[in-house]
Amino acid sequence: MRILALAILAIGTVSAAGPAAAQTYAPGYPVCLHVYGPATYYDCRYTSLPQCNASASGRSAQCVVNPYVANAEVTPGRAYRRHRQVY
């Protein structure tokens, strides 16, 4: 009887857990289209803001910069050190 009660409790606990949330932003594209409506979602497949704005035209949508994109344009520059001047 205890095993049956524990099995029912385990099944109830597993089925009550909600589904896992998917990743909202695609990390490969720098611009996302945020679409508003009954099904609000992000569509991250644009490489520039003008390209995204063309898709958002006439829709209840807004173009946003992807906060999770890897910035590949950062180049290591020359490190400058501030040295103490000798008085």
N, C-alpha and C. Protein backbone atom coordinates (compact mmCIF):
# COMPACT_ATOMS: atom_id res chain seq x y z
N MET A 1 0.82 -1.18 0.00
CA MET A 1 0.00 0.00 0.00
C MET A 1 0.87 1.25 0.00
N ARG A 2 1.99 1.19 0.76
CA ARG A 2 2.88 2.35 0.78
C ARG A 2 3.53 2.58 -0.58
N ILE A 3 3.90 1.50 -1.23
CA ILE A 3 4.55 1.63 -2.54
C ILE A 3 3.59 2.27 -3.54
N LEU A 4 2.32 1.89 -3.51
CA LEU A 4 1.33 2.48 -4.39
C LEU A 4 1.15 3.96 -4.10
N ALA A 5 1.10 4.33 -2.82
CA ALA A 5 0.95 5.74 -2.46
C ALA A 5 2.18 6.54 -2.88
N LEU A 6 3.37 6.00 -2.70
CA LEU A 6 4.58 6.69 -3.12
C LEU A 6 4.66 6.81 -4.64
N ALA A 7 4.20 5.78 -5.35
CA ALA A 7 4.20 5.83 -6.81
C ALA A 7 3.24 6.90 -7.31
N ILE A 8 2.06 7.00 -6.71
CA ILE A 8 1.10 8.03 -7.09
C ILE A 8 1.65 9.41 -6.77
N LEU A 9 2.29 9.56 -5.63
CA LEU A 9 2.90 10.83 -5.26
C LEU A 9 4.02 11.22 -6.23
N ALA A 10 4.83 10.26 -6.62
CA ALA A 10 5.92 10.54 -7.56
C ALA A 10 5.39 10.92 -8.93
N ILE A 11 4.38 10.24 -9.41
CA ILE A 11 3.77 10.56 -10.70
C ILE A 11 3.12 11.93 -10.66
N GLY A 12 2.45 12.25 -9.57
CA GLY A 12 1.83 13.56 -9.43
C GLY A 12 2.85 14.68 -9.38
N THR A 13 3.96 14.45 -8.72
CA THR A 13 5.00 15.47 -8.63
C THR A 13 5.65 15.71 -10.00
N VAL A 14 5.92 14.65 -10.73
CA VAL A 14 6.54 14.79 -12.05
C VAL A 14 5.59 15.45 -13.03
N SER A 15 4.32 15.10 -12.99
CA SER A 15 3.37 15.68 -13.93
C SER A 15 3.01 17.12 -13.57
N ALA A 16 3.18 17.52 -12.32
CA ALA A 16 2.87 18.90 -11.93
C ALA A 16 3.97 19.88 -12.31
N ALA A 17 5.16 19.37 -12.55
CA ALA A 17 6.26 20.25 -12.95
C ALA A 17 5.98 20.78 -14.35
N GLY A 18 6.20 22.07 -14.55
CA GLY A 18 5.93 22.69 -15.83
C GLY A 18 6.98 22.32 -16.86
N PRO A 19 6.68 22.60 -18.11
CA PRO A 19 7.66 22.30 -19.15
C PRO A 19 8.86 23.23 -19.05
N ALA A 20 9.99 22.78 -19.49
CA ALA A 20 11.20 23.59 -19.45
C ALA A 20 11.11 24.70 -20.48
N ALA A 21 11.57 25.89 -20.12
CA ALA A 21 11.53 27.02 -21.04
C ALA A 21 12.66 26.91 -22.05
N ALA A 22 12.36 27.23 -23.29
CA ALA A 22 13.37 27.18 -24.34
C ALA A 22 14.19 28.46 -24.32
N GLN A 23 15.31 28.45 -25.01
CA GLN A 23 16.15 29.63 -25.08
C GLN A 23 15.44 30.69 -25.92
N THR A 24 15.36 31.91 -25.40
CA THR A 24 14.62 32.98 -26.06
C THR A 24 15.40 33.56 -27.23
N TYR A 25 16.66 33.81 -27.05
CA TYR A 25 17.46 34.48 -28.06
C TYR A 25 18.40 33.50 -28.76
N ALA A 26 18.50 33.63 -30.08
CA ALA A 26 19.48 32.83 -30.82
C ALA A 26 20.83 33.53 -30.72
N PRO A 27 21.87 32.85 -30.31
CA PRO A 27 23.15 33.52 -30.08
C PRO A 27 23.91 33.87 -31.35
N GLY A 28 23.46 33.45 -32.52
CA GLY A 28 24.21 33.68 -33.73
C GLY A 28 23.85 34.95 -34.49
N TYR A 29 22.77 35.60 -34.15
CA TYR A 29 22.31 36.77 -34.89
C TYR A 29 22.25 37.99 -33.97
N PRO A 30 22.70 39.16 -34.44
CA PRO A 30 22.78 40.32 -33.56
C PRO A 30 21.48 41.08 -33.36
N VAL A 31 20.45 40.82 -34.18
CA VAL A 31 19.19 41.58 -34.09
C VAL A 31 18.03 40.61 -34.00
N CYS A 32 17.08 40.93 -33.10
CA CYS A 32 15.88 40.10 -32.92
C CYS A 32 14.63 40.92 -33.20
N LEU A 33 13.62 40.27 -33.69
CA LEU A 33 12.30 40.88 -33.91
C LEU A 33 11.40 40.42 -32.77
N HIS A 34 10.92 41.37 -31.97
CA HIS A 34 10.01 41.05 -30.86
C HIS A 34 8.60 41.28 -31.36
N VAL A 35 7.86 40.21 -31.55
CA VAL A 35 6.50 40.26 -32.09
C VAL A 35 5.51 40.23 -30.93
N TYR A 36 4.57 41.19 -30.94
CA TYR A 36 3.55 41.29 -29.90
C TYR A 36 2.23 40.75 -30.43
N GLY A 37 1.40 40.25 -29.53
CA GLY A 37 0.09 39.76 -29.91
C GLY A 37 -0.32 38.62 -29.00
N PRO A 38 -1.28 37.80 -29.46
CA PRO A 38 -1.69 36.66 -28.64
C PRO A 38 -0.53 35.69 -28.39
N ALA A 39 0.34 35.57 -29.37
CA ALA A 39 1.53 34.73 -29.22
C ALA A 39 2.74 35.65 -29.30
N THR A 40 3.21 36.15 -28.17
CA THR A 40 4.37 37.03 -28.13
C THR A 40 5.63 36.18 -28.18
N TYR A 41 6.54 36.53 -29.13
CA TYR A 41 7.75 35.74 -29.27
C TYR A 41 8.87 36.60 -29.84
N TYR A 42 10.10 36.08 -29.78
CA TYR A 42 11.28 36.70 -30.36
C TYR A 42 11.71 35.87 -31.57
N ASP A 43 12.02 36.57 -32.65
CA ASP A 43 12.49 35.91 -33.86
C ASP A 43 13.89 36.46 -34.16
N CYS A 44 14.91 35.72 -33.77
CA CYS A 44 16.30 36.18 -33.91
C CYS A 44 16.94 35.54 -35.13
N ARG A 45 16.78 36.20 -36.27
CA ARG A 45 17.41 35.71 -37.49
C ARG A 45 17.79 36.86 -38.42
N TYR A 46 18.09 38.00 -37.86
CA TYR A 46 18.42 39.18 -38.65
C TYR A 46 19.85 39.62 -38.37
N THR A 47 20.52 40.09 -39.43
CA THR A 47 21.90 40.51 -39.29
C THR A 47 22.06 42.01 -39.14
N SER A 48 21.00 42.79 -39.40
CA SER A 48 21.09 44.24 -39.26
C SER A 48 19.72 44.80 -38.87
N LEU A 49 19.74 46.01 -38.30
CA LEU A 49 18.48 46.66 -37.92
C LEU A 49 17.62 47.02 -39.13
N PRO A 50 18.17 47.54 -40.25
CA PRO A 50 17.31 47.80 -41.41
C PRO A 50 16.63 46.55 -41.95
N GLN A 51 17.31 45.42 -41.93
CA GLN A 51 16.71 44.17 -42.38
C GLN A 51 15.55 43.78 -41.47
N CYS A 52 15.73 43.94 -40.18
CA CYS A 52 14.67 43.62 -39.22
C CYS A 52 13.51 44.61 -39.34
N ASN A 53 13.82 45.89 -39.53
CA ASN A 53 12.76 46.90 -39.66
C ASN A 53 11.89 46.66 -40.88
N ALA A 54 12.47 46.12 -41.94
CA ALA A 54 11.67 45.79 -43.12
C ALA A 54 10.67 44.67 -42.80
N SER A 55 11.05 43.73 -41.97
CA SER A 55 10.13 42.66 -41.58
C SER A 55 9.09 43.14 -40.56
N ALA A 56 9.46 44.12 -39.75
CA ALA A 56 8.55 44.61 -38.72
C ALA A 56 7.54 45.61 -39.27
N SER A 57 7.75 46.09 -40.47
CA SER A 57 6.87 47.10 -41.06
C SER A 57 5.45 46.57 -41.21
N GLY A 58 4.49 47.28 -40.64
CA GLY A 58 3.08 46.90 -40.75
C GLY A 58 2.63 45.87 -39.74
N ARG A 59 3.49 45.47 -38.85
CA ARG A 59 3.15 44.48 -37.83
C ARG A 59 3.30 45.10 -36.46
N SER A 60 2.71 44.48 -35.48
CA SER A 60 2.93 44.92 -34.10
C SER A 60 4.20 44.25 -33.59
N ALA A 61 5.34 44.80 -34.02
CA ALA A 61 6.63 44.20 -33.71
C ALA A 61 7.65 45.31 -33.53
N GLN A 62 8.74 44.96 -32.88
CA GLN A 62 9.81 45.91 -32.61
C GLN A 62 11.14 45.18 -32.74
N CYS A 63 12.12 45.86 -33.32
CA CYS A 63 13.46 45.28 -33.46
C CYS A 63 14.29 45.62 -32.24
N VAL A 64 14.96 44.62 -31.69
CA VAL A 64 15.79 44.81 -30.51
C VAL A 64 17.16 44.19 -30.76
N VAL A 65 18.15 44.72 -30.09
CA VAL A 65 19.50 44.17 -30.19
C VAL A 65 19.57 42.93 -29.32
N ASN A 66 20.14 41.87 -29.85
CA ASN A 66 20.25 40.61 -29.14
C ASN A 66 21.29 40.74 -28.03
N PRO A 67 20.89 40.61 -26.76
CA PRO A 67 21.85 40.77 -25.67
C PRO A 67 22.80 39.59 -25.51
N TYR A 68 22.54 38.49 -26.19
CA TYR A 68 23.38 37.30 -26.01
C TYR A 68 24.27 37.00 -27.20
N VAL A 69 24.36 37.93 -28.15
CA VAL A 69 25.19 37.66 -29.32
C VAL A 69 26.66 37.81 -28.93
N ALA A 70 27.49 36.95 -29.50
CA ALA A 70 28.93 37.03 -29.25
C ALA A 70 29.50 38.14 -30.11
N ASN A 71 30.18 39.07 -29.51
CA ASN A 71 30.74 40.20 -30.24
C ASN A 71 32.08 39.77 -30.84
N ALA A 72 32.06 39.44 -32.12
CA ALA A 72 33.26 38.95 -32.78
C ALA A 72 34.14 40.08 -33.30
N GLU A 73 33.65 41.32 -33.25
CA GLU A 73 34.41 42.43 -33.80
C GLU A 73 35.37 43.05 -32.79
N VAL A 74 35.41 42.56 -31.61
CA VAL A 74 36.31 43.10 -30.60
C VAL A 74 37.72 42.60 -30.91
N THR A 75 38.60 43.54 -31.16
CA THR A 75 39.98 43.17 -31.45
C THR A 75 40.84 43.59 -30.28
N PRO A 76 41.77 42.77 -29.90
CA PRO A 76 42.61 43.16 -28.78
C PRO A 76 43.51 44.33 -29.18
N GLY A 77 43.40 45.39 -28.44
CA GLY A 77 44.20 46.58 -28.73
C GLY A 77 45.47 46.60 -27.90
N ARG A 78 46.21 47.65 -28.11
CA ARG A 78 47.45 47.80 -27.36
C ARG A 78 47.13 48.28 -25.95
N ALA A 79 47.66 47.62 -25.00
CA ALA A 79 47.39 47.99 -23.61
C ALA A 79 48.31 49.14 -23.20
N TYR A 80 47.71 50.19 -22.74
CA TYR A 80 48.47 51.33 -22.28
C TYR A 80 48.54 51.30 -20.76
N ARG A 81 49.71 51.52 -20.23
CA ARG A 81 49.88 51.55 -18.79
C ARG A 81 50.23 52.96 -18.39
N ARG A 82 49.67 53.36 -17.32
CA ARG A 82 50.01 54.67 -16.78
C ARG A 82 51.16 54.48 -15.80
N HIS A 83 52.25 55.08 -16.14
CA HIS A 83 53.42 54.97 -15.28
C HIS A 83 53.53 56.23 -14.44
N ARG A 84 54.02 56.04 -13.26
CA ARG A 84 54.26 57.18 -12.39
C ARG A 84 55.46 57.96 -12.91
N GLN A 85 55.28 59.23 -13.05
CA GLN A 85 56.40 60.04 -13.51
C GLN A 85 57.35 60.28 -12.34
N VAL A 86 58.61 60.36 -12.66
CA VAL A 86 59.62 60.63 -11.65
C VAL A 86 59.71 62.13 -11.47
N TYR A 87 59.59 62.59 -10.27
CA TYR A 87 59.64 64.04 -10.00
C TYR A 87 61.02 64.48 -9.66
